[in-house]
Amino acid sequence: MTSKLALAGLLAGALLVPVLSHAADEQQKEQTKAFVKDSAITTKIKAKLAIEKLSSLATIHVDTDSHGVVWLSGTAKSQEQIDRVISIAKATENVRDVKSSLRVDAGS
């Protein structure tokens, strides 16, 4: 009787391994999709900023989190540049929100 229970336990465990493995694979796929989407948003914003030919582009950092929130940091030469960068980010597809800690630095 004990050997039948042990065998049944082994079979049940063997059947669960592929199910659990599949669940882990699906989670990894979702994380990868989110990363690719976030990277695409960041890339689109950086490309738009490059087209604008902002002289302080090298000092502006763009990052996107897994919820589509764009985080801007760094410095710009004027408040007008900061406003333009924020406007570009907000107008980018799939951006849900923009958080900025950009600051004016006339020397940048």
PDB file of N, CA and C in Angstrom:
ATOM      1  N   MET A   1       0.825  -1.183   0.000  1.00  0.00           N
ATOM      2  CA  MET A   1       0.000   0.000   0.000  1.00  0.00           C
ATOM      3  C   MET A   1       0.874   1.253   0.000  1.00  0.00           C
ATOM      4  N   THR A   2       1.942   1.242   0.837  1.00  0.00           N
ATOM      5  CA  THR A   2       2.839   2.388   0.923  1.00  0.00           C
ATOM      6  C   THR A   2       3.535   2.622  -0.404  1.00  0.00           C
ATOM      7  N   SER A   3       3.911   1.558  -1.077  1.00  0.00           N
ATOM      8  CA  SER A   3       4.592   1.716  -2.358  1.00  0.00           C
ATOM      9  C   SER A   3       3.643   2.283  -3.413  1.00  0.00           C
ATOM     10  N   LYS A   4       2.338   1.956  -3.332  1.00  0.00           N
ATOM     11  CA  LYS A   4       1.362   2.521  -4.280  1.00  0.00           C
ATOM     12  C   LYS A   4       1.194   4.017  -4.038  1.00  0.00           C
ATOM     13  N   LEU A   5       1.176   4.426  -2.770  1.00  0.00           N
ATOM     14  CA  LEU A   5       1.065   5.849  -2.451  1.00  0.00           C
ATOM     15  C   LEU A   5       2.308   6.608  -2.902  1.00  0.00           C
ATOM     16  N   ALA A   6       3.446   5.986  -2.695  1.00  0.00           N
ATOM     17  CA  ALA A   6       4.694   6.616  -3.112  1.00  0.00           C
ATOM     18  C   ALA A   6       4.721   6.770  -4.627  1.00  0.00           C
ATOM     19  N   LEU A   7       4.293   5.722  -5.330  1.00  0.00           N
ATOM     20  CA  LEU A   7       4.252   5.763  -6.791  1.00  0.00           C
ATOM     21  C   LEU A   7       3.266   6.830  -7.268  1.00  0.00           C
ATOM     22  N   ALA A   8       2.114   6.903  -6.610  1.00  0.00           N
ATOM     23  CA  ALA A   8       1.116   7.910  -6.970  1.00  0.00           C
ATOM     24  C   ALA A   8       1.673   9.314  -6.720  1.00  0.00           C
ATOM     25  N   GLY A   9       2.397   9.501  -5.640  1.00  0.00           N
ATOM     26  CA  GLY A   9       3.018  10.794  -5.342  1.00  0.00           C
ATOM     27  C   GLY A   9       4.055  11.178  -6.373  1.00  0.00           C
ATOM     28  N   LEU A  10       4.864  10.199  -6.789  1.00  0.00           N
ATOM     29  CA  LEU A  10       5.874  10.455  -7.817  1.00  0.00           C
ATOM     30  C   LEU A  10       5.225  10.825  -9.146  1.00  0.00           C
ATOM     31  N   LEU A  11       4.172  10.118  -9.515  1.00  0.00           N
ATOM     32  CA  LEU A  11       3.467  10.422 -10.764  1.00  0.00           C
ATOM     33  C   LEU A  11       2.847  11.817 -10.723  1.00  0.00           C
ATOM     34  N   ALA A  12       2.223  12.153  -9.599  1.00  0.00           N
ATOM     35  CA  ALA A  12       1.612  13.471  -9.463  1.00  0.00           C
ATOM     36  C   ALA A  12       2.685  14.557  -9.553  1.00  0.00           C
ATOM     37  N   GLY A  13       3.808  14.333  -8.893  1.00  0.00           N
ATOM     38  CA  GLY A  13       4.913  15.294  -8.959  1.00  0.00           C
ATOM     39  C   GLY A  13       5.456  15.433 -10.361  1.00  0.00           C
ATOM     40  N   ALA A  14       5.586  14.317 -11.055  1.00  0.00           N
ATOM     41  CA  ALA A  14       6.097  14.336 -12.428  1.00  0.00           C
ATOM     42  C   ALA A  14       5.146  15.083 -13.358  1.00  0.00           C
ATOM     43  N   LEU A  15       3.860  14.986 -13.088  1.00  0.00           N
ATOM     44  CA  LEU A  15       2.884  15.682 -13.919  1.00  0.00           C
ATOM     45  C   LEU A  15       2.862  17.177 -13.619  1.00  0.00           C
ATOM     46  N   LEU A  16       3.178  17.573 -12.402  1.00  0.00           N
ATOM     47  CA  LEU A  16       3.164  18.993 -12.034  1.00  0.00           C
ATOM     48  C   LEU A  16       4.384  19.750 -12.548  1.00  0.00           C
ATOM     49  N   VAL A  17       5.493  19.087 -12.744  1.00  0.00           N
ATOM     50  CA  VAL A  17       6.717  19.765 -13.181  1.00  0.00           C
ATOM     51  C   VAL A  17       6.497  20.511 -14.502  1.00  0.00           C
ATOM     52  N   PRO A  18       5.936  19.883 -15.540  1.00  0.00           N
ATOM     53  CA  PRO A  18       5.716  20.638 -16.781  1.00  0.00           C
ATOM     54  C   PRO A  18       4.742  21.807 -16.599  1.00  0.00           C
ATOM     55  N   VAL A  19       3.738  21.640 -15.765  1.00  0.00           N
ATOM     56  CA  VAL A  19       2.763  22.708 -15.535  1.00  0.00           C
ATOM     57  C   VAL A  19       3.444  23.896 -14.863  1.00  0.00           C
ATOM     58  N   LEU A  20       4.220  23.628 -13.829  1.00  0.00           N
ATOM     59  CA  LEU A  20       4.929  24.703 -13.132  1.00  0.00           C
ATOM     60  C   LEU A  20       5.977  25.343 -14.031  1.00  0.00           C
ATOM     61  N   SER A  21       6.642  24.543 -14.833  1.00  0.00           N
ATOM     62  CA  SER A  21       7.638  25.057 -15.769  1.00  0.00           C
ATOM     63  C   SER A  21       6.986  25.964 -16.794  1.00  0.00           C
ATOM     64  N   HIS A  22       5.810  25.563 -17.282  1.00  0.00           N
ATOM     65  CA  HIS A  22       5.076  26.378 -18.256  1.00  0.00           C
ATOM     66  C   HIS A  22       4.671  27.708 -17.639  1.00  0.00           C
ATOM     67  N   ALA A  23       4.229  27.699 -16.400  1.00  0.00           N
ATOM     68  CA  ALA A  23       3.830  28.927 -15.715  1.00  0.00           C
ATOM     69  C   ALA A  23       5.026  29.863 -15.572  1.00  0.00           C
ATOM     70  N   ALA A  24       6.191  29.319 -15.247  1.00  0.00           N
ATOM     71  CA  ALA A  24       7.395  30.131 -15.122  1.00  0.00           C
ATOM     72  C   ALA A  24       7.793  30.706 -16.479  1.00  0.00           C
ATOM     73  N   ASP A  25       7.669  29.909 -17.544  1.00  0.00           N
ATOM     74  CA  ASP A  25       7.967  30.381 -18.897  1.00  0.00           C
ATOM     75  C   ASP A  25       7.048  31.526 -19.285  1.00  0.00           C
ATOM     76  N   GLU A  26       5.772  31.409 -18.969  1.00  0.00           N
ATOM     77  CA  GLU A  26       4.807  32.464 -19.294  1.00  0.00           C
ATOM     78  C   GLU A  26       5.135  33.751 -18.549  1.00  0.00           C
ATOM     79  N   GLN A  27       5.511  33.629 -17.279  1.00  0.00           N
ATOM     80  CA  GLN A  27       5.881  34.808 -16.498  1.00  0.00           C
ATOM     81  C   GLN A  27       7.111  35.474 -17.115  1.00  0.00           C
ATOM     82  N   GLN A  28       8.083  34.689 -17.525  1.00  0.00           N
ATOM     83  CA  GLN A  28       9.294  35.224 -18.147  1.00  0.00           C
ATOM     84  C   GLN A  28       8.953  35.928 -19.458  1.00  0.00           C
ATOM     85  N   LYS A  29       8.047  35.348 -20.240  1.00  0.00           N
ATOM     86  CA  LYS A  29       7.633  35.969 -21.500  1.00  0.00           C
ATOM     87  C   LYS A  29       6.976  37.314 -21.244  1.00  0.00           C
ATOM     88  N   GLU A  30       6.130  37.408 -20.235  1.00  0.00           N
ATOM     89  CA  GLU A  30       5.453  38.664 -19.909  1.00  0.00           C
ATOM     90  C   GLU A  30       6.463  39.724 -19.468  1.00  0.00           C
ATOM     91  N   GLN A  31       7.440  39.312 -18.674  1.00  0.00           N
ATOM     92  CA  GLN A  31       8.465  40.259 -18.235  1.00  0.00           C
ATOM     93  C   GLN A  31       9.282  40.746 -19.424  1.00  0.00           C
ATOM     94  N   THR A  32       9.590  39.846 -20.338  1.00  0.00           N
ATOM     95  CA  THR A  32      10.352  40.215 -21.524  1.00  0.00           C
ATOM     96  C   THR A  32       9.553  41.177 -22.393  1.00  0.00           C
ATOM     97  N   LYS A  33       8.263  40.900 -22.582  1.00  0.00           N
ATOM     98  CA  LYS A  33       7.405  41.798 -23.366  1.00  0.00           C
ATOM     99  C   LYS A  33       7.368  43.183 -22.741  1.00  0.00           C
ATOM    100  N   ALA A  34       7.241  43.249 -21.424  1.00  0.00           N
ATOM    101  CA  ALA A  34       7.193  44.539 -20.733  1.00  0.00           C
ATOM    102  C   ALA A  34       8.507  45.284 -20.918  1.00  0.00           C
ATOM    103  N   PHE A  35       9.641  44.579 -20.821  1.00  0.00           N
ATOM    104  CA  PHE A  35      10.938  45.214 -20.994  1.00  0.00           C
ATOM    105  C   PHE A  35      11.090  45.756 -22.406  1.00  0.00           C
ATOM    106  N   VAL A  36      10.692  44.982 -23.398  1.00  0.00           N
ATOM    107  CA  VAL A  36      10.794  45.419 -24.789  1.00  0.00           C
ATOM    108  C   VAL A  36       9.913  46.638 -25.014  1.00  0.00           C
ATOM    109  N   LYS A  37       8.697  46.622 -24.477  1.00  0.00           N
ATOM    110  CA  LYS A  37       7.779  47.755 -24.622  1.00  0.00           C
ATOM    111  C   LYS A  37       8.382  48.997 -23.974  1.00  0.00           C
ATOM    112  N   ASP A  38       8.919  48.857 -22.757  1.00  0.00           N
ATOM    113  CA  ASP A  38       9.512  49.980 -22.048  1.00  0.00           C
ATOM    114  C   ASP A  38      10.710  50.527 -22.817  1.00  0.00           C
ATOM    115  N   SER A  39      11.527  49.646 -23.340  1.00  0.00           N
ATOM    116  CA  SER A  39      12.690  50.060 -24.117  1.00  0.00           C
ATOM    117  C   SER A  39      12.260  50.781 -25.388  1.00  0.00           C
ATOM    118  N   ALA A  40      11.187  50.316 -25.996  1.00  0.00           N
ATOM    119  CA  ALA A  40      10.685  50.952 -27.215  1.00  0.00           C
ATOM    120  C   ALA A  40      10.206  52.370 -26.925  1.00  0.00           C
ATOM    121  N   ILE A  41       9.523  52.561 -25.809  1.00  0.00           N
ATOM    122  CA  ILE A  41       9.060  53.901 -25.432  1.00  0.00           C
ATOM    123  C   ILE A  41      10.267  54.817 -25.226  1.00  0.00           C
ATOM    124  N   THR A  42      11.239  54.357 -24.469  1.00  0.00           N
ATOM    125  CA  THR A  42      12.442  55.153 -24.214  1.00  0.00           C
ATOM    126  C   THR A  42      13.138  55.508 -25.523  1.00  0.00           C
ATOM    127  N   THR A  43      13.263  54.544 -26.424  1.00  0.00           N
ATOM    128  CA  THR A  43      13.921  54.768 -27.705  1.00  0.00           C
ATOM    129  C   THR A  43      13.159  55.786 -28.549  1.00  0.00           C
ATOM    130  N   LYS A  44      11.834  55.681 -28.577  1.00  0.00           N
ATOM    131  CA  LYS A  44      11.021  56.641 -29.339  1.00  0.00           C
ATOM    132  C   LYS A  44      11.223  58.058 -28.828  1.00  0.00           C
ATOM    133  N   ILE A  45      11.228  58.220 -27.516  1.00  0.00           N
ATOM    134  CA  ILE A  45      11.402  59.555 -26.937  1.00  0.00           C
ATOM    135  C   ILE A  45      12.790  60.099 -27.265  1.00  0.00           C
ATOM    136  N   LYS A  46      13.813  59.272 -27.112  1.00  0.00           N
ATOM    137  CA  LYS A  46      15.172  59.720 -27.417  1.00  0.00           C
ATOM    138  C   LYS A  46      15.314  60.100 -28.885  1.00  0.00           C
ATOM    139  N   ALA A  47      14.674  59.346 -29.760  1.00  0.00           N
ATOM    140  CA  ALA A  47      14.725  59.667 -31.192  1.00  0.00           C
ATOM    141  C   ALA A  47      14.043  61.004 -31.476  1.00  0.00           C
ATOM    142  N   LYS A  48      12.899  61.237 -30.844  1.00  0.00           N
ATOM    143  CA  LYS A  48      12.197  62.511 -31.025  1.00  0.00           C
ATOM    144  C   LYS A  48      13.027  63.674 -30.494  1.00  0.00           C
ATOM    145  N   LEU A  49      13.699  63.471 -29.379  1.00  0.00           N
ATOM    146  CA  LEU A  49      14.551  64.518 -28.820  1.00  0.00           C
ATOM    147  C   LEU A  49      15.732  64.799 -29.749  1.00  0.00           C
ATOM    148  N   ALA A  50      16.282  63.759 -30.361  1.00  0.00           N
ATOM    149  CA  ALA A  50      17.393  63.936 -31.301  1.00  0.00           C
ATOM    150  C   ALA A  50      16.950  64.743 -32.521  1.00  0.00           C
ATOM    151  N   ILE A  51      15.741  64.494 -32.988  1.00  0.00           N
ATOM    152  CA  ILE A  51      15.203  65.245 -34.127  1.00  0.00           C
ATOM    153  C   ILE A  51      15.082  66.727 -33.772  1.00  0.00           C
ATOM    154  N   GLU A  52      14.727  67.002 -32.526  1.00  0.00           N
ATOM    155  CA  GLU A  52      14.591  68.388 -32.056  1.00  0.00           C
ATOM    156  C   GLU A  52      15.943  69.106 -31.990  1.00  0.00           C
ATOM    157  N   LYS A  53      17.023  68.327 -32.008  1.00  0.00           N
ATOM    158  CA  LYS A  53      18.386  68.863 -31.940  1.00  0.00           C
ATOM    159  C   LYS A  53      18.595  69.756 -30.717  1.00  0.00           C
ATOM    160  N   LEU A  54      18.095  69.292 -29.595  1.00  0.00           N
ATOM    161  CA  LEU A  54      18.298  70.028 -28.351  1.00  0.00           C
ATOM    162  C   LEU A  54      19.777  69.949 -27.972  1.00  0.00           C
ATOM    163  N   SER A  55      20.382  71.093 -27.737  1.00  0.00           N
ATOM    164  CA  SER A  55      21.820  71.116 -27.455  1.00  0.00           C
ATOM    165  C   SER A  55      22.172  70.429 -26.136  1.00  0.00           C
ATOM    166  N   SER A  56      21.205  70.322 -25.237  1.00  0.00           N
ATOM    167  CA  SER A  56      21.488  69.694 -23.940  1.00  0.00           C
ATOM    168  C   SER A  56      21.042  68.230 -23.901  1.00  0.00           C
ATOM    169  N   LEU A  57      20.828  67.642 -25.063  1.00  0.00           N
ATOM    170  CA  LEU A  57      20.332  66.265 -25.137  1.00  0.00           C
ATOM    171  C   LEU A  57      21.208  65.285 -24.358  1.00  0.00           C
ATOM    172  N   ALA A  58      22.507  65.481 -24.380  1.00  0.00           N
ATOM    173  CA  ALA A  58      23.424  64.553 -23.704  1.00  0.00           C
ATOM    174  C   ALA A  58      23.250  64.563 -22.195  1.00  0.00           C
ATOM    175  N   THR A  59      22.666  65.626 -21.662  1.00  0.00           N
ATOM    176  CA  THR A  59      22.510  65.708 -20.208  1.00  0.00           C
ATOM    177  C   THR A  59      21.091  65.378 -19.760  1.00  0.00           C
ATOM    178  N   ILE A  60      20.251  64.932 -20.688  1.00  0.00           N
ATOM    179  CA  ILE A  60      18.873  64.546 -20.363  1.00  0.00           C
ATOM    180  C   ILE A  60      18.779  63.027 -20.417  1.00  0.00           C
ATOM    181  N   HIS A  61      18.333  62.443 -19.322  1.00  0.00           N
ATOM    182  CA  HIS A  61      18.220  60.992 -19.221  1.00  0.00           C
ATOM    183  C   HIS A  61      16.743  60.590 -19.249  1.00  0.00           C
ATOM    184  N   VAL A  62      16.444  59.559 -20.021  1.00  0.00           N
ATOM    185  CA  VAL A  62      15.070  59.074 -20.180  1.00  0.00           C
ATOM    186  C   VAL A  62      15.028  57.618 -19.743  1.00  0.00           C
ATOM    187  N   ASP A  63      14.063  57.282 -18.915  1.00  0.00           N
ATOM    188  CA  ASP A  63      13.867  55.894 -18.502  1.00  0.00           C
ATOM    189  C   ASP A  63      12.364  55.644 -18.438  1.00  0.00           C
ATOM    190  N   THR A  64      11.955  54.422 -18.727  1.00  0.00           N
ATOM    191  CA  THR A  64      10.543  54.055 -18.695  1.00  0.00           C
ATOM    192  C   THR A  64      10.370  52.843 -17.807  1.00  0.00           C
ATOM    193  N   ASP A  65       9.400  52.899 -16.891  1.00  0.00           N
ATOM    194  CA  ASP A  65       9.175  51.743 -16.026  1.00  0.00           C
ATOM    195  C   ASP A  65       8.161  50.794 -16.660  1.00  0.00           C
ATOM    196  N   SER A  66       7.874  49.718 -15.984  1.00  0.00           N
ATOM    197  CA  SER A  66       7.020  48.665 -16.548  1.00  0.00           C
ATOM    198  C   SER A  66       5.556  49.063 -16.644  1.00  0.00           C
ATOM    199  N   HIS A  67       5.209  50.235 -16.134  1.00  0.00           N
ATOM    200  CA  HIS A  67       3.822  50.699 -16.191  1.00  0.00           C
ATOM    201  C   HIS A  67       3.631  51.790 -17.232  1.00  0.00           C
ATOM    202  N   GLY A  68       4.652  52.057 -18.043  1.00  0.00           N
ATOM    203  CA  GLY A  68       4.552  53.096 -19.059  1.00  0.00           C
ATOM    204  C   GLY A  68       4.779  54.492 -18.522  1.00  0.00           C
ATOM    205  N   VAL A  69       5.368  54.595 -17.332  1.00  0.00           N
ATOM    206  CA  VAL A  69       5.681  55.903 -16.753  1.00  0.00           C
ATOM    207  C   VAL A  69       7.108  56.268 -17.163  1.00  0.00           C
ATOM    208  N   VAL A  70       7.253  57.447 -17.752  1.00  0.00           N
ATOM    209  CA  VAL A  70       8.551  57.930 -18.205  1.00  0.00           C
ATOM    210  C   VAL A  70       9.144  58.816 -17.118  1.00  0.00           C
ATOM    211  N   TRP A  71      10.411  58.572 -16.823  1.00  0.00           N
ATOM    212  CA  TRP A  71      11.139  59.341 -15.808  1.00  0.00           C
ATOM    213  C   TRP A  71      12.220  60.129 -16.528  1.00  0.00           C
ATOM    214  N   LEU A  72      12.169  61.450 -16.406  1.00  0.00           N
ATOM    215  CA  LEU A  72      13.151  62.334 -17.021  1.00  0.00           C
ATOM    216  C   LEU A  72      14.033  62.918 -15.928  1.00  0.00           C
ATOM    217  N   SER A  73      15.338  62.934 -16.172  1.00  0.00           N
ATOM    218  CA  SER A  73      16.261  63.514 -15.201  1.00  0.00           C
ATOM    219  C   SER A  73      17.402  64.178 -15.949  1.00  0.00           C
ATOM    220  N   GLY A  74      18.144  65.001 -15.232  1.00  0.00           N
ATOM    221  CA  GLY A  74      19.282  65.686 -15.831  1.00  0.00           C
ATOM    222  C   GLY A  74      19.054  67.178 -15.883  1.00  0.00           C
ATOM    223  N   THR A  75      19.768  67.828 -16.815  1.00  0.00           N
ATOM    224  CA  THR A  75      19.695  69.279 -16.914  1.00  0.00           C
ATOM    225  C   THR A  75      19.430  69.720 -18.344  1.00  0.00           C
ATOM    226  N   ALA A  76      18.896  70.929 -18.461  1.00  0.00           N
ATOM    227  CA  ALA A  76      18.667  71.569 -19.753  1.00  0.00           C
ATOM    228  C   ALA A  76      19.090  73.021 -19.625  1.00  0.00           C
ATOM    229  N   LYS A  77      19.230  73.706 -20.768  1.00  0.00           N
ATOM    230  CA  LYS A  77      19.692  75.095 -20.744  1.00  0.00           C
ATOM    231  C   LYS A  77      18.617  76.084 -20.338  1.00  0.00           C
ATOM    232  N   SER A  78      17.356  75.696 -20.496  1.00  0.00           N
ATOM    233  CA  SER A  78      16.284  76.640 -20.179  1.00  0.00           C
ATOM    234  C   SER A  78      15.017  75.907 -19.768  1.00  0.00           C
ATOM    235  N   GLN A  79      14.113  76.628 -19.155  1.00  0.00           N
ATOM    236  CA  GLN A  79      12.819  76.055 -18.796  1.00  0.00           C
ATOM    237  C   GLN A  79      12.043  75.699 -20.056  1.00  0.00           C
ATOM    238  N   GLU A  80      12.242  76.454 -21.124  1.00  0.00           N
ATOM    239  CA  GLU A  80      11.564  76.153 -22.394  1.00  0.00           C
ATOM    240  C   GLU A  80      11.983  74.778 -22.917  1.00  0.00           C
ATOM    241  N   GLN A  81      13.278  74.461 -22.809  1.00  0.00           N
ATOM    242  CA  GLN A  81      13.749  73.130 -23.232  1.00  0.00           C
ATOM    243  C   GLN A  81      13.120  72.045 -22.370  1.00  0.00           C
ATOM    244  N   ILE A  82      13.061  72.280 -21.083  1.00  0.00           N
ATOM    245  CA  ILE A  82      12.453  71.298 -20.182  1.00  0.00           C
ATOM    246  C   ILE A  82      10.995  71.082 -20.561  1.00  0.00           C
ATOM    247  N   ASP A  83      10.277  72.164 -20.787  1.00  0.00           N
ATOM    248  CA  ASP A  83       8.872  72.056 -21.172  1.00  0.00           C
ATOM    249  C   ASP A  83       8.721  71.283 -22.474  1.00  0.00           C
ATOM    250  N   ARG A  84       9.626  71.505 -23.424  1.00  0.00           N
ATOM    251  CA  ARG A  84       9.565  70.805 -24.717  1.00  0.00           C
ATOM    252  C   ARG A  84       9.829  69.312 -24.537  1.00  0.00           C
ATOM    253  N   VAL A  85      10.805  68.965 -23.726  1.00  0.00           N
ATOM    254  CA  VAL A  85      11.134  67.557 -23.474  1.00  0.00           C
ATOM    255  C   VAL A  85       9.933  66.852 -22.836  1.00  0.00           C
ATOM    256  N   ILE A  86       9.333  67.489 -21.857  1.00  0.00           N
ATOM    257  CA  ILE A  86       8.162  66.901 -21.185  1.00  0.00           C
ATOM    258  C   ILE A  86       7.014  66.740 -22.177  1.00  0.00           C
ATOM    259  N   SER A  87       6.811  67.724 -23.015  1.00  0.00           N
ATOM    260  CA  SER A  87       5.747  67.671 -24.020  1.00  0.00           C
ATOM    261  C   SER A  87       5.966  66.520 -25.006  1.00  0.00           C
ATOM    262  N   ILE A  88       7.194  66.350 -25.445  1.00  0.00           N
ATOM    263  CA  ILE A  88       7.526  65.254 -26.372  1.00  0.00           C
ATOM    264  C   ILE A  88       7.260  63.910 -25.700  1.00  0.00           C
ATOM    265  N   ALA A  89       7.688  63.775 -24.468  1.00  0.00           N
ATOM    266  CA  ALA A  89       7.495  62.510 -23.748  1.00  0.00           C
ATOM    267  C   ALA A  89       6.009  62.203 -23.585  1.00  0.00           C
ATOM    268  N   LYS A  90       5.226  63.210 -23.197  1.00  0.00           N
ATOM    269  CA  LYS A  90       3.795  62.992 -22.996  1.00  0.00           C
ATOM    270  C   LYS A  90       3.077  62.621 -24.287  1.00  0.00           C
ATOM    271  N   ALA A  91       3.570  63.117 -25.410  1.00  0.00           N
ATOM    272  CA  ALA A  91       2.919  62.861 -26.700  1.00  0.00           C
ATOM    273  C   ALA A  91       3.329  61.527 -27.323  1.00  0.00           C
ATOM    274  N   THR A  92       4.224  60.803 -26.680  1.00  0.00           N
ATOM    275  CA  THR A  92       4.715  59.538 -27.225  1.00  0.00           C
ATOM    276  C   THR A  92       3.728  58.411 -26.923  1.00  0.00           C
ATOM    277  N   GLU A  93       3.510  57.579 -27.929  1.00  0.00           N
ATOM    278  CA  GLU A  93       2.574  56.460 -27.824  1.00  0.00           C
ATOM    279  C   GLU A  93       2.929  55.542 -26.657  1.00  0.00           C
ATOM    280  N   ASN A  94       1.911  55.077 -25.947  1.00  0.00           N
ATOM    281  CA  ASN A  94       2.006  54.144 -24.819  1.00  0.00           C
ATOM    282  C   ASN A  94       2.552  54.752 -23.536  1.00  0.00           C
ATOM    283  N   VAL A  95       2.785  56.064 -23.505  1.00  0.00           N
ATOM    284  CA  VAL A  95       3.230  56.719 -22.276  1.00  0.00           C
ATOM    285  C   VAL A  95       2.001  57.013 -21.430  1.00  0.00           C
ATOM    286  N   ARG A  96       2.009  56.526 -20.211  1.00  0.00           N
ATOM    287  CA  ARG A  96       0.873  56.744 -19.306  1.00  0.00           C
ATOM    288  C   ARG A  96       1.046  57.983 -18.444  1.00  0.00           C
ATOM    289  N   ASP A  97       2.312  58.309 -18.118  1.00  0.00           N
ATOM    290  CA  ASP A  97       2.574  59.466 -17.282  1.00  0.00           C
ATOM    291  C   ASP A  97       4.034  59.857 -17.458  1.00  0.00           C
ATOM    292  N   VAL A  98       4.350  61.092 -17.126  1.00  0.00           N
ATOM    293  CA  VAL A  98       5.727  61.578 -17.201  1.00  0.00           C
ATOM    294  C   VAL A  98       6.088  62.208 -15.864  1.00  0.00           C
ATOM    295  N   LYS A  99       7.188  61.758 -15.305  1.00  0.00           N
ATOM    296  CA  LYS A  99       7.724  62.303 -14.055  1.00  0.00           C
ATOM    297  C   LYS A  99       9.060  62.958 -14.393  1.00  0.00           C
ATOM    298  N   SER A 100       9.208  64.210 -14.018  1.00  0.00           N
ATOM    299  CA  SER A 100      10.425  64.932 -14.383  1.00  0.00           C
ATOM    300  C   SER A 100      11.129  65.507 -13.167  1.00  0.00           C
ATOM    301  N   SER A 101      12.435  65.310 -13.138  1.00  0.00           N
ATOM    302  CA  SER A 101      13.279  65.993 -12.167  1.00  0.00           C
ATOM    303  C   SER A 101      14.323  66.826 -12.936  1.00  0.00           C
ATOM    304  N   LEU A 102      13.978  67.189 -14.173  1.00  0.00           N
ATOM    305  CA  LEU A 102      14.861  68.024 -14.980  1.00  0.00           C
ATOM    306  C   LEU A 102      14.999  69.386 -14.310  1.00  0.00           C
ATOM    307  N   ARG A 103      16.192  69.944 -14.431  1.00  0.00           N
ATOM    308  CA  ARG A 103      16.421  71.263 -13.858  1.00  0.00           C
ATOM    309  C   ARG A 103      17.228  72.115 -14.834  1.00  0.00           C
ATOM    310  N   VAL A 104      17.097  73.401 -14.702  1.00  0.00           N
ATOM    311  CA  VAL A 104      17.806  74.332 -15.563  1.00  0.00           C
ATOM    312  C   VAL A 104      19.238  74.490 -15.070  1.00  0.00           C
ATOM    313  N   ASP A 105      20.175  74.364 -16.012  1.00  0.00           N
ATOM    314  CA  ASP A 105      21.596  74.593 -15.744  1.00  0.00           C
ATOM    315  C   ASP A 105      22.137  75.325 -16.959  1.00  0.00           C
ATOM    316  N   ALA A 106      22.311  76.601 -16.847  1.00  0.00           N
ATOM    317  CA  ALA A 106      22.749  77.428 -17.972  1.00  0.00           C
ATOM    318  C   ALA A 106      24.089  76.974 -18.545  1.00  0.00           C
ATOM    319  N   GLY A 107      24.879  76.276 -17.767  1.00  0.00           N
ATOM    320  CA  GLY A 107      26.180  75.789 -18.235  1.00  0.00           C
ATOM    321  C   GLY A 107      26.106  74.481 -19.000  1.00  0.00           C
ATOM    322  N   SER A 108      24.891  73.861 -19.106  1.00  0.00           N
ATOM    323  CA  SER A 108      24.812  72.561 -19.780  1.00  0.00           C
ATOM    324  C   SER A 108      24.710  72.695 -21.267  1.00  0.00           C
TER     325      SER A 108
END
